Amino acid sequence: MEETLPDKLYFRIGEVAEITRLKPSVLRFWESEFKGLNPSKSGTGQRIYSRSDLDLVIEIKRLLYSEKLTIEGARKRLVRRGKLEMIAEDVNVVMPRKTLDEIRAELEAIRDSL
């Protein structure tokens, strides 16, 4: 799907719906479920999706439709991959061991430099 994306920075909700073959109501629902999906609004109230918003929609669709994850499962997967920020309701998400080891190494390097 990536090769068919228009070379634009911003997309209206109708364009995103057409590109992803999703209904606008699904996109609006996903905005409430995935806090990182937050398109801006034009002066007329039209949702304007950035290229990164579109990429996130495509990733969410893949997780839900191809990998058959639940919304909660998709949210956790995106948080683990760093594509969504963790929010208060996601505190039960466990960070991967590799990330914790990287953080530990960075903190030790800072400590040693002091």
C-alpha atoms as a PDB file:
ATOM      1  CA  MET A   1       0.000   0.000   0.000  1.00  0.00           C
ATOM      2  CA  GLU A   2       2.923   2.347   0.681  1.00  0.00           C
ATOM      3  CA  GLU A   3       3.786   2.700  -3.012  1.00  0.00           C
ATOM      4  CA  THR A   4       0.292   3.981  -3.868  1.00  0.00           C
ATOM      5  CA  LEU A   5       0.271   6.795  -1.292  1.00  0.00           C
ATOM      6  CA  PRO A   6       0.084  10.311  -2.720  1.00  0.00           C
ATOM      7  CA  ASP A   7       3.145  12.477  -2.222  1.00  0.00           C
ATOM      8  CA  LYS A   8       1.460  14.887   0.207  1.00  0.00           C
ATOM      9  CA  LEU A   9       2.093  16.025   3.760  1.00  0.00           C
ATOM     10  CA  TYR A  10      -1.547  16.383   4.823  1.00  0.00           C
ATOM     11  CA  PHE A  11      -4.734  14.486   4.033  1.00  0.00           C
ATOM     12  CA  ARG A  12      -8.418  15.111   4.721  1.00  0.00           C
ATOM     13  CA  ILE A  13     -10.358  12.382   6.493  1.00  0.00           C
ATOM     14  CA  GLY A  14     -12.106  11.462   3.228  1.00  0.00           C
ATOM     15  CA  GLU A  15      -8.742  10.964   1.526  1.00  0.00           C
ATOM     16  CA  VAL A  16      -7.491   8.805   4.408  1.00  0.00           C
ATOM     17  CA  ALA A  17     -10.707   6.775   4.261  1.00  0.00           C
ATOM     18  CA  GLU A  18     -10.252   6.255   0.513  1.00  0.00           C
ATOM     19  CA  ILE A  19      -6.552   5.356   0.770  1.00  0.00           C
ATOM     20  CA  THR A  20      -7.074   2.905   3.638  1.00  0.00           C
ATOM     21  CA  ARG A  21     -10.503   1.657   2.498  1.00  0.00           C
ATOM     22  CA  LEU A  22     -11.944   2.439   5.923  1.00  0.00           C
ATOM     23  CA  LYS A  23     -15.083   4.371   6.765  1.00  0.00           C
ATOM     24  CA  PRO A  24     -14.593   7.843   8.279  1.00  0.00           C
ATOM     25  CA  SER A  25     -16.579   6.658  11.318  1.00  0.00           C
ATOM     26  CA  VAL A  26     -13.945   3.950  11.910  1.00  0.00           C
ATOM     27  CA  LEU A  27     -11.186   6.547  11.739  1.00  0.00           C
ATOM     28  CA  ARG A  28     -13.016   8.775  14.223  1.00  0.00           C
ATOM     29  CA  PHE A  29     -13.524   5.805  16.550  1.00  0.00           C
ATOM     30  CA  TRP A  30      -9.834   4.896  16.363  1.00  0.00           C
ATOM     31  CA  GLU A  31      -8.964   8.465  17.417  1.00  0.00           C
ATOM     32  CA  SER A  32     -10.717   7.765  20.712  1.00  0.00           C
ATOM     33  CA  GLU A  33      -8.997   4.385  21.155  1.00  0.00           C
ATOM     34  CA  PHE A  34      -5.444   5.263  20.079  1.00  0.00           C
ATOM     35  CA  LYS A  35      -4.342   8.467  21.803  1.00  0.00           C
ATOM     36  CA  GLY A  36      -1.409   8.930  19.424  1.00  0.00           C
ATOM     37  CA  LEU A  37      -3.812   9.265  16.515  1.00  0.00           C
ATOM     38  CA  ASN A  38      -4.789  12.888  16.848  1.00  0.00           C
ATOM     39  CA  PRO A  39      -5.323  14.699  13.551  1.00  0.00           C
ATOM     40  CA  SER A  40      -5.483  18.459  13.677  1.00  0.00           C
ATOM     41  CA  LYS A  41      -8.568  20.335  12.542  1.00  0.00           C
ATOM     42  CA  SER A  42      -8.872  23.025   9.923  1.00  0.00           C
ATOM     43  CA  GLY A  43     -10.694  26.291  10.513  1.00  0.00           C
ATOM     44  CA  THR A  44     -13.855  24.633   9.227  1.00  0.00           C
ATOM     45  CA  GLY A  45     -13.488  21.675  11.614  1.00  0.00           C
ATOM     46  CA  GLN A  46     -12.304  19.232   8.943  1.00  0.00           C
ATOM     47  CA  ARG A  47      -9.878  16.602  10.274  1.00  0.00           C
ATOM     48  CA  ILE A  48      -6.431  16.978   8.720  1.00  0.00           C
ATOM     49  CA  TYR A  49      -4.184  13.912   9.006  1.00  0.00           C
ATOM     50  CA  SER A  50      -0.417  14.296   8.758  1.00  0.00           C
ATOM     51  CA  ARG A  51       1.702  11.751   6.924  1.00  0.00           C
ATOM     52  CA  SER A  52       2.654  10.188  10.277  1.00  0.00           C
ATOM     53  CA  ASP A  53      -1.048   9.980  11.231  1.00  0.00           C
ATOM     54  CA  LEU A  54      -1.714   8.153   7.949  1.00  0.00           C
ATOM     55  CA  ASP A  55       1.179   5.769   8.593  1.00  0.00           C
ATOM     56  CA  LEU A  56      -0.236   5.070  12.062  1.00  0.00           C
ATOM     57  CA  VAL A  57      -3.706   4.377  10.627  1.00  0.00           C
ATOM     58  CA  ILE A  58      -2.179   1.913   8.153  1.00  0.00           C
ATOM     59  CA  GLU A  59      -0.277   0.197  10.981  1.00  0.00           C
ATOM     60  CA  ILE A  60      -3.395   0.016  13.177  1.00  0.00           C
ATOM     61  CA  LYS A  61      -5.388  -1.455  10.308  1.00  0.00           C
ATOM     62  CA  ARG A  62      -2.688  -4.075   9.718  1.00  0.00           C
ATOM     63  CA  LEU A  63      -2.636  -5.050  13.388  1.00  0.00           C
ATOM     64  CA  LEU A  64      -6.405  -5.269  13.678  1.00  0.00           C
ATOM     65  CA  TYR A  65      -7.316  -6.768  10.310  1.00  0.00           C
ATOM     66  CA  SER A  66      -4.278  -8.826   9.283  1.00  0.00           C
ATOM     67  CA  GLU A  67      -2.849  -9.897  12.641  1.00  0.00           C
ATOM     68  CA  LYS A  68      -6.355 -10.121  14.158  1.00  0.00           C
ATOM     69  CA  LEU A  69      -5.358  -8.327  17.375  1.00  0.00           C
ATOM     70  CA  THR A  70      -7.940  -6.721  19.626  1.00  0.00           C
ATOM     71  CA  ILE A  71      -7.858  -2.951  20.017  1.00  0.00           C
ATOM     72  CA  GLU A  72      -6.159  -3.404  23.390  1.00  0.00           C
ATOM     73  CA  GLY A  73      -3.621  -5.798  21.854  1.00  0.00           C
ATOM     74  CA  ALA A  74      -2.895  -3.400  19.000  1.00  0.00           C
ATOM     75  CA  ARG A  75      -2.512  -0.509  21.452  1.00  0.00           C
ATOM     76  CA  LYS A  76      -0.036  -2.479  23.561  1.00  0.00           C
ATOM     77  CA  ARG A  77       1.947  -3.540  20.486  1.00  0.00           C
ATOM     78  CA  LEU A  78       2.186   0.072  19.294  1.00  0.00           C
ATOM     79  CA  VAL A  79       3.284   1.261  22.745  1.00  0.00           C
ATOM     80  CA  ARG A  80       5.994  -1.412  22.865  1.00  0.00           C
ATOM     81  CA  ARG A  81       7.229  -0.399  19.416  1.00  0.00           C
ATOM     82  CA  GLY A  82       7.329   3.246  20.470  1.00  0.00           C
ATOM     83  CA  LYS A  83       4.681   4.283  17.955  1.00  0.00           C
ATOM     84  CA  LEU A  84       2.262   5.348  20.677  1.00  0.00           C
ATOM     85  CA  GLU A  85       3.072   7.020  23.940  1.00  0.00           C
ATOM     86  CA  MET A  86       2.048   5.198  27.064  1.00  0.00           C
ATOM     87  CA  ILE A  87      -0.880   6.855  28.827  1.00  0.00           C
ATOM     88  CA  ALA A  88      -2.316   6.322  32.292  1.00  0.00           C
ATOM     89  CA  GLU A  89      -4.636   3.491  31.244  1.00  0.00           C
ATOM     90  CA  ASP A  90      -1.710   1.665  29.622  1.00  0.00           C
ATOM     91  CA  VAL A  91       0.400   1.380  32.775  1.00  0.00           C
ATOM     92  CA  ASN A  92       0.051  -2.392  32.722  1.00  0.00           C
ATOM     93  CA  VAL A  93       2.112  -2.530  29.533  1.00  0.00           C
ATOM     94  CA  VAL A  94       5.462  -4.168  30.190  1.00  0.00           C
ATOM     95  CA  MET A  95       8.466  -2.621  28.484  1.00  0.00           C
ATOM     96  CA  PRO A  96      10.573  -5.064  26.499  1.00  0.00           C
ATOM     97  CA  ARG A  97      13.775  -6.205  28.205  1.00  0.00           C
ATOM     98  CA  LYS A  98      15.942  -4.740  25.461  1.00  0.00           C
ATOM     99  CA  THR A  99      14.585  -1.264  26.134  1.00  0.00           C
ATOM    100  CA  LEU A 100      15.230  -1.559  29.858  1.00  0.00           C
ATOM    101  CA  ASP A 101      18.791  -2.747  29.208  1.00  0.00           C
ATOM    102  CA  GLU A 102      19.375   0.202  26.851  1.00  0.00           C
ATOM    103  CA  ILE A 103      18.080   2.637  29.472  1.00  0.00           C
ATOM    104  CA  ARG A 104      20.245   1.069  32.159  1.00  0.00           C
ATOM    105  CA  ALA A 105      23.360   1.305  29.949  1.00  0.00           C
ATOM    106  CA  GLU A 106      22.642   4.942  29.139  1.00  0.00           C
ATOM    107  CA  LEU A 107      22.148   5.831  32.804  1.00  0.00           C
ATOM    108  CA  GLU A 108      25.370   4.050  33.754  1.00  0.00           C
ATOM    109  CA  ALA A 109      27.240   5.965  31.038  1.00  0.00           C
ATOM    110  CA  ILE A 110      25.872   9.253  32.408  1.00  0.00           C
ATOM    111  CA  ARG A 111      26.814   8.252  35.958  1.00  0.00           C
ATOM    112  CA  ASP A 112      30.345   7.340  34.877  1.00  0.00           C
ATOM    113  CA  SER A 113      30.784  10.675  33.100  1.00  0.00           C
ATOM    114  CA  LEU A 114      29.975  12.630  36.276  1.00  0.00           C
END
